[in-house]
Amino acid sequence: QVQLQESGGGSVQSGGSLKLSCAASGDTRCMAWFRQAPGKDREWVAGRTHYADSVVARFTHSRDTAKKTLYLQMNSLKPEDTGTYYCAAGLGWCGNPRIYKVWGQGTQVTVSS
């Protein structure tokens, strides 16, 4: 079975950077990053070449298949980036958010102004 664990979150000032990691075990096919701000629904952040409009040109995701680790480099962070960040895995067309069924526990990101 697939298990995912995020790390790398923390508190940072506006304009700062963080790099999140997601360690995976088991067989993974599609992987992507999501986030959930307080009081809001979970939303797509990045996967394959698909980035949320709000993070384009600031966030970069990558995958080290040998280490089975997913990364999210976040630059020029804004207070509105605050939330819980999750990595997820699924099967099917990787650009479809609906295929993601396995989730990590999440890592907290707080951006202060």
Protein backbone atom coordinates (compact mmCIF):
# COMPACT_ATOMS: atom_id res chain seq x y z
CA GLN A 1 0.00 0.00 0.00
CA VAL A 2 1.05 3.58 -0.60
CA GLN A 3 2.03 5.73 2.35
CA LEU A 4 2.99 9.40 2.14
CA GLN A 5 4.59 11.70 4.68
CA GLU A 6 5.14 15.42 4.19
CA SER A 7 7.83 17.50 5.84
CA GLY A 8 9.50 20.88 5.52
CA GLY A 9 6.70 23.18 6.58
CA GLY A 10 7.14 26.00 9.02
CA SER A 11 6.72 29.70 9.60
CA VAL A 12 8.27 32.22 7.26
CA GLN A 13 7.96 35.92 6.57
CA SER A 14 6.38 37.22 3.41
CA GLY A 15 8.83 36.92 0.53
CA GLY A 16 10.63 33.96 2.05
CA SER A 17 11.07 30.44 0.76
CA LEU A 18 10.36 26.90 1.91
CA LYS A 19 10.97 23.51 0.36
CA LEU A 20 8.51 20.76 1.15
CA SER A 21 9.25 17.08 0.80
CA CYS A 22 6.97 14.09 0.53
CA ALA A 23 8.45 10.68 1.22
CA ALA A 24 6.55 7.83 -0.38
CA SER A 25 6.47 4.10 0.18
CA GLY A 26 4.80 1.53 -2.00
CA ASP A 27 4.07 1.94 -5.67
CA THR A 28 3.06 5.42 -6.76
CA ARG A 29 2.00 6.55 -10.20
CA CYS A 30 0.58 10.06 -10.19
CA MET A 31 1.61 12.42 -7.40
CA ALA A 32 0.60 16.00 -6.76
CA TRP A 33 0.51 18.74 -4.13
CA PHE A 34 -2.64 20.15 -2.59
CA ARG A 35 -3.24 22.68 0.15
CA GLN A 36 -6.05 23.72 2.43
CA ALA A 37 -6.36 27.15 3.96
CA PRO A 38 -8.39 27.63 7.15
CA GLY A 39 -12.09 27.62 6.34
CA LYS A 40 -11.53 26.68 2.70
CA ASP A 41 -11.69 23.51 0.63
CA ARG A 42 -8.62 21.59 -0.32
CA GLU A 43 -7.24 22.84 -3.62
CA TRP A 44 -4.78 21.76 -6.26
CA VAL A 45 -1.34 23.36 -6.05
CA ALA A 46 0.95 21.54 -8.48
CA GLY A 47 1.36 18.28 -10.32
CA ARG A 48 3.04 17.41 -13.62
CA THR A 49 2.98 20.73 -15.53
CA HIS A 50 -0.24 21.92 -13.92
CA TYR A 51 0.11 24.73 -11.38
CA ALA A 52 -2.60 26.69 -9.67
CA ASP A 53 -2.78 30.20 -11.10
CA SER A 54 -1.99 31.65 -7.70
CA VAL A 55 1.41 29.89 -7.50
CA VAL A 56 2.62 29.99 -11.11
CA ALA A 57 6.19 31.33 -11.39
CA ARG A 58 6.67 31.07 -7.63
CA PHE A 59 6.38 27.34 -6.91
CA THR A 60 8.19 24.48 -8.57
CA HIS A 61 7.49 20.82 -8.03
CA SER A 62 9.77 17.91 -8.84
CA ARG A 63 10.04 14.19 -8.23
CA ASP A 64 13.01 12.03 -7.44
CA THR A 65 11.81 8.64 -8.57
CA ALA A 66 14.88 6.83 -7.19
CA LYS A 67 14.26 8.20 -3.69
CA LYS A 68 10.47 8.08 -4.15
CA THR A 69 10.29 11.63 -2.92
CA LEU A 70 8.21 14.54 -4.17
CA TYR A 71 9.33 18.14 -3.62
CA LEU A 72 7.69 21.53 -3.70
CA GLN A 73 9.99 24.54 -3.82
CA MET A 74 8.05 27.61 -2.73
CA ASN A 75 9.52 31.05 -3.34
CA SER A 76 8.21 34.57 -2.82
CA LEU A 77 5.72 33.30 -0.29
CA LYS A 78 2.66 35.38 0.50
CA PRO A 79 0.31 35.33 3.50
CA GLU A 80 -2.37 33.83 1.28
CA ASP A 81 -0.15 30.77 0.83
CA THR A 82 -0.78 29.90 4.47
CA GLY A 83 -2.36 26.51 4.97
CA THR A 84 -1.82 22.81 5.33
CA TYR A 85 0.05 21.29 2.41
CA TYR A 86 -0.55 17.69 1.39
CA CYS A 87 0.98 15.38 -1.12
CA ALA A 88 -1.26 12.81 -2.73
CA ALA A 89 -1.04 9.82 -5.03
CA GLY A 90 -3.46 8.35 -7.52
CA LEU A 91 -3.99 6.36 -10.68
CA GLY A 92 -5.32 7.56 -14.02
CA TRP A 93 -4.76 10.84 -15.79
CA CYS A 94 -2.38 12.62 -13.45
CA GLY A 95 -3.80 16.05 -14.22
CA ASN A 96 -7.24 15.16 -12.91
CA PRO A 97 -7.55 16.13 -9.22
CA ARG A 98 -10.30 13.55 -8.73
CA ILE A 99 -7.96 10.56 -9.08
CA TYR A 100 -6.00 11.32 -5.94
CA LYS A 101 -7.09 8.97 -3.19
CA VAL A 102 -4.05 8.49 -0.95
CA TRP A 103 -2.97 11.40 1.20
CA GLY A 104 -0.24 12.28 3.62
CA GLN A 105 -0.90 13.83 7.01
CA GLY A 106 0.02 17.31 5.80
CA THR A 107 2.60 19.87 6.82
CA GLN A 108 1.77 23.35 8.07
CA VAL A 109 2.94 26.46 6.24
CA THR A 110 2.42 29.86 7.82
CA VAL A 111 3.44 33.04 6.03
CA SER A 112 3.38 36.25 8.03
CA SER A 113 3.33 39.76 6.66
